[in-house]
Amino acid sequence: MAEEKAKERKSKSSSASEETGKGSWGFWAMLAAVVAGALSGGFALCQLLGGTDDACPAAQVAPAKTAEQNFDAFLSQNGKNQPAWIYDGLEPVVCNLDEPGVTRYVRVTISLEMRPEMDRTKGEPYLEERKLILRDWLTTYFAGLSLEDVRGSRNLEKIKRQIQEQFNEMLFPNSRPYIQRVLFREFAVQ
């Protein structure tokens, strides 16, 4: 009888170790698949974004000289003799405000007053190419604001300054700012 119990215990422990062995192989296989997926996803994202920072070593290629880096090409021949000009190419932005429990939205249409040094015939196509990026940033920006953030003239002036600073940074990095002012054509909160 004692022999039979010992055999049962031995068979149970061997079957348990077999199950543990099978389970550990499955665990390691799944872990390897997750790691491989994460690495390939990170590489794909790195290639897609094409950044050149340290977070994306595969994309560390010498950047080509592009129109974004040579803003002198946008300068007007007459310079300051020209008046400032208005860019009206941005469509209205409509998005929900960050208000818990209540659906409030804002509808904003802006115009950009450009410095007279920027030639209008060269500057407008440059802005047209990038208006989707600007509109996307505006949508994200306004979606992060609350109702209190968009009330009052002081807050509206703050919003204009933040948009102007961000747009100048996005459009003319490492250069002087060419957006002189941000103007609201429409600003409605409901």
Protein backbone atom coordinates (compact mmCIF):
# COMPACT_ATOMS: atom_id res chain seq x y z
CA MET A 1 0.00 0.00 0.00
CA ALA A 2 2.77 2.39 0.88
CA GLU A 3 4.43 1.45 -2.40
CA GLU A 4 1.29 2.33 -4.35
CA LYS A 5 1.00 5.74 -2.63
CA ALA A 6 4.65 6.46 -3.36
CA LYS A 7 4.09 5.54 -7.05
CA GLU A 8 1.00 7.84 -7.17
CA ARG A 9 2.97 10.73 -5.66
CA LYS A 10 5.81 10.14 -8.10
CA SER A 11 3.47 10.00 -11.11
CA LYS A 12 1.65 13.16 -9.94
CA SER A 13 4.93 15.06 -9.49
CA SER A 14 6.25 13.91 -12.88
CA SER A 15 2.99 14.89 -14.62
CA ALA A 16 3.06 18.25 -12.79
CA SER A 17 6.64 18.86 -13.91
CA GLU A 18 5.65 17.93 -17.48
CA GLU A 19 2.76 20.42 -17.33
CA THR A 20 5.05 23.06 -15.86
CA GLY A 21 7.57 22.36 -18.62
CA LYS A 22 4.91 22.71 -21.29
CA GLY A 23 3.58 25.87 -19.68
CA SER A 24 7.04 27.43 -19.44
CA TRP A 25 7.70 26.76 -23.13
CA GLY A 26 4.43 28.46 -23.98
CA PHE A 27 5.32 31.36 -21.71
CA TRP A 28 8.76 31.83 -23.31
CA ALA A 29 7.33 31.53 -26.81
CA MET A 30 4.69 34.14 -26.03
CA LEU A 31 7.29 36.42 -24.42
CA ALA A 32 9.54 36.10 -27.48
CA ALA A 33 6.62 36.95 -29.77
CA VAL A 34 5.72 40.03 -27.70
CA VAL A 35 9.33 41.26 -27.65
CA ALA A 36 9.71 40.68 -31.40
CA GLY A 37 6.44 42.52 -32.05
CA ALA A 38 7.46 45.44 -29.86
CA LEU A 39 10.85 45.73 -31.54
CA SER A 40 9.42 45.58 -35.05
CA GLY A 41 6.64 48.03 -34.09
CA GLY A 42 9.17 50.44 -32.63
CA PHE A 43 11.34 50.19 -35.72
CA ALA A 44 8.33 50.74 -38.00
CA LEU A 45 7.20 53.75 -35.97
CA CYS A 46 10.73 55.13 -36.02
CA GLN A 47 10.86 54.80 -39.81
CA LEU A 48 7.38 56.26 -40.21
CA LEU A 49 8.08 59.34 -38.12
CA GLY A 50 11.55 59.73 -39.60
CA GLY A 51 12.86 61.55 -36.56
CA THR A 52 16.55 62.15 -36.04
CA ASP A 53 16.65 62.24 -32.25
CA ASP A 54 18.40 59.74 -29.99
CA ALA A 55 15.16 57.81 -29.41
CA CYS A 56 15.26 56.64 -33.01
CA PRO A 57 18.83 55.52 -33.81
CA ALA A 58 17.82 53.93 -37.11
CA ALA A 59 16.76 57.30 -38.45
CA GLN A 60 20.01 59.12 -37.63
CA VAL A 61 20.79 60.15 -41.14
CA ALA A 62 22.25 63.50 -42.10
CA PRO A 63 19.23 65.70 -42.82
CA ALA A 64 18.96 67.07 -46.30
CA LYS A 65 18.69 70.82 -46.71
CA THR A 66 14.99 71.46 -47.20
CA ALA A 67 12.81 74.50 -47.68
CA GLU A 68 12.04 74.42 -43.94
CA GLN A 69 15.68 75.09 -43.12
CA ASN A 70 16.21 77.85 -45.68
CA PHE A 71 13.69 80.54 -44.81
CA ASP A 72 15.66 83.24 -46.62
CA ALA A 73 13.95 82.03 -49.80
CA PHE A 74 10.66 83.38 -48.42
CA LEU A 75 11.93 86.89 -47.85
CA SER A 76 10.50 89.67 -49.97
CA GLN A 77 12.80 91.72 -52.16
CA ASN A 78 11.24 94.94 -50.87
CA GLY A 79 11.39 93.85 -47.23
CA LYS A 80 9.81 96.27 -44.79
CA ASN A 81 8.35 98.47 -47.52
CA GLN A 82 5.56 95.92 -47.97
CA PRO A 83 2.54 95.83 -45.64
CA ALA A 84 1.86 92.82 -43.44
CA TRP A 85 -0.40 90.29 -45.15
CA ILE A 86 -3.11 87.96 -43.89
CA TYR A 87 -3.25 84.21 -44.47
CA ASP A 88 -6.87 83.00 -44.37
CA GLY A 89 -6.37 79.43 -45.60
CA LEU A 90 -7.15 77.61 -42.34
CA GLU A 91 -10.59 76.02 -42.15
CA PRO A 92 -12.68 76.27 -38.97
CA VAL A 93 -11.77 73.95 -36.10
CA VAL A 94 -14.61 72.38 -34.13
CA CYS A 95 -13.89 70.23 -31.09
CA ASN A 96 -15.26 69.31 -27.68
CA LEU A 97 -13.84 71.09 -24.66
CA ASP A 98 -12.38 69.11 -21.78
CA GLU A 99 -15.48 69.35 -19.58
CA PRO A 100 -16.53 66.29 -17.55
CA GLY A 101 -20.21 65.45 -17.66
CA VAL A 102 -21.20 68.22 -20.07
CA THR A 103 -20.74 68.34 -23.81
CA ARG A 104 -19.38 71.76 -24.68
CA TYR A 105 -17.65 72.52 -27.92
CA VAL A 106 -15.73 75.36 -29.45
CA ARG A 107 -15.71 76.52 -33.07
CA VAL A 108 -12.67 78.59 -33.98
CA THR A 109 -11.53 80.12 -37.25
CA ILE A 110 -8.24 81.97 -37.26
CA SER A 111 -6.20 84.05 -39.66
CA LEU A 112 -2.47 84.61 -39.48
CA GLU A 113 -0.95 88.05 -39.92
CA MET A 114 2.44 87.49 -41.52
CA ARG A 115 5.41 89.84 -41.26
CA PRO A 116 6.00 92.08 -44.27
CA GLU A 117 9.48 90.57 -44.77
CA MET A 118 7.88 87.30 -45.90
CA ASP A 119 6.97 87.36 -49.56
CA ARG A 120 3.29 86.53 -49.99
CA THR A 121 3.74 84.67 -53.29
CA LYS A 122 6.28 82.31 -51.69
CA GLY A 123 4.78 82.19 -48.20
CA GLU A 124 1.20 81.22 -49.08
CA PRO A 125 2.15 77.93 -50.84
CA TYR A 126 4.41 77.07 -47.89
CA LEU A 127 1.53 77.61 -45.45
CA GLU A 128 -0.92 75.73 -47.69
CA GLU A 129 1.33 72.66 -47.60
CA ARG A 130 1.33 72.69 -43.81
CA LYS A 131 -2.23 73.73 -43.00
CA LEU A 132 -3.30 70.17 -42.14
CA ILE A 133 -0.56 69.96 -39.50
CA LEU A 134 -1.59 73.35 -38.10
CA ARG A 135 -5.26 72.39 -38.02
CA ASP A 136 -4.44 69.11 -36.26
CA TRP A 137 -2.44 70.95 -33.61
CA LEU A 138 -5.29 73.43 -33.11
CA THR A 139 -7.82 70.63 -32.63
CA THR A 140 -5.65 68.91 -30.05
CA TYR A 141 -4.92 72.20 -28.30
CA PHE A 142 -8.58 73.25 -27.97
CA ALA A 143 -9.66 69.73 -26.95
CA GLY A 144 -7.37 70.08 -23.93
CA LEU A 145 -8.94 73.36 -22.75
CA SER A 146 -11.80 73.68 -20.29
CA LEU A 147 -14.69 76.13 -20.37
CA GLU A 148 -12.88 78.38 -17.89
CA ASP A 149 -9.78 78.40 -20.15
CA VAL A 150 -11.75 79.95 -23.03
CA ARG A 151 -13.70 82.56 -21.06
CA GLY A 152 -12.73 86.21 -20.95
CA SER A 153 -10.52 88.50 -23.00
CA ARG A 154 -7.39 87.76 -20.94
CA ASN A 155 -7.71 84.03 -21.69
CA LEU A 156 -8.35 84.69 -25.39
CA GLU A 157 -5.19 86.80 -25.62
CA LYS A 158 -3.26 84.03 -23.87
CA ILE A 159 -4.64 81.49 -26.38
CA LYS A 160 -3.60 83.74 -29.29
CA ARG A 161 -0.06 84.04 -27.92
CA GLN A 162 0.24 80.29 -27.41
CA ILE A 163 -0.99 79.57 -30.94
CA GLN A 164 1.39 82.16 -32.38
CA GLU A 165 4.39 80.76 -30.49
CA GLN A 166 3.60 77.15 -31.41
CA PHE A 167 2.91 77.93 -35.09
CA ASN A 168 6.14 79.91 -35.38
CA GLU A 169 8.02 77.01 -33.79
CA MET A 170 6.38 74.45 -36.08
CA LEU A 171 6.68 76.44 -39.30
CA PHE A 172 9.97 78.27 -38.82
CA PRO A 173 12.18 76.30 -36.42
CA ASN A 174 15.53 77.89 -35.58
CA SER A 175 14.53 81.03 -37.43
CA ARG A 176 12.93 84.33 -36.62
CA PRO A 177 9.15 84.20 -36.20
CA TYR A 178 7.24 85.24 -39.31
CA ILE A 179 3.76 85.11 -37.79
CA GLN A 180 3.18 88.57 -36.40
CA ARG A 181 -0.29 88.03 -34.91
CA VAL A 182 -3.05 85.45 -34.64
CA LEU A 183 -6.51 86.84 -35.36
CA PHE A 184 -9.82 85.20 -34.49
CA ARG A 185 -12.34 85.39 -37.32
CA GLU A 186 -14.74 83.24 -35.36
CA PHE A 187 -14.71 82.04 -31.76
CA ALA A 188 -17.92 80.40 -30.54
CA VAL A 189 -18.43 78.22 -27.48
CA GLN A 190 -21.64 76.22 -27.06
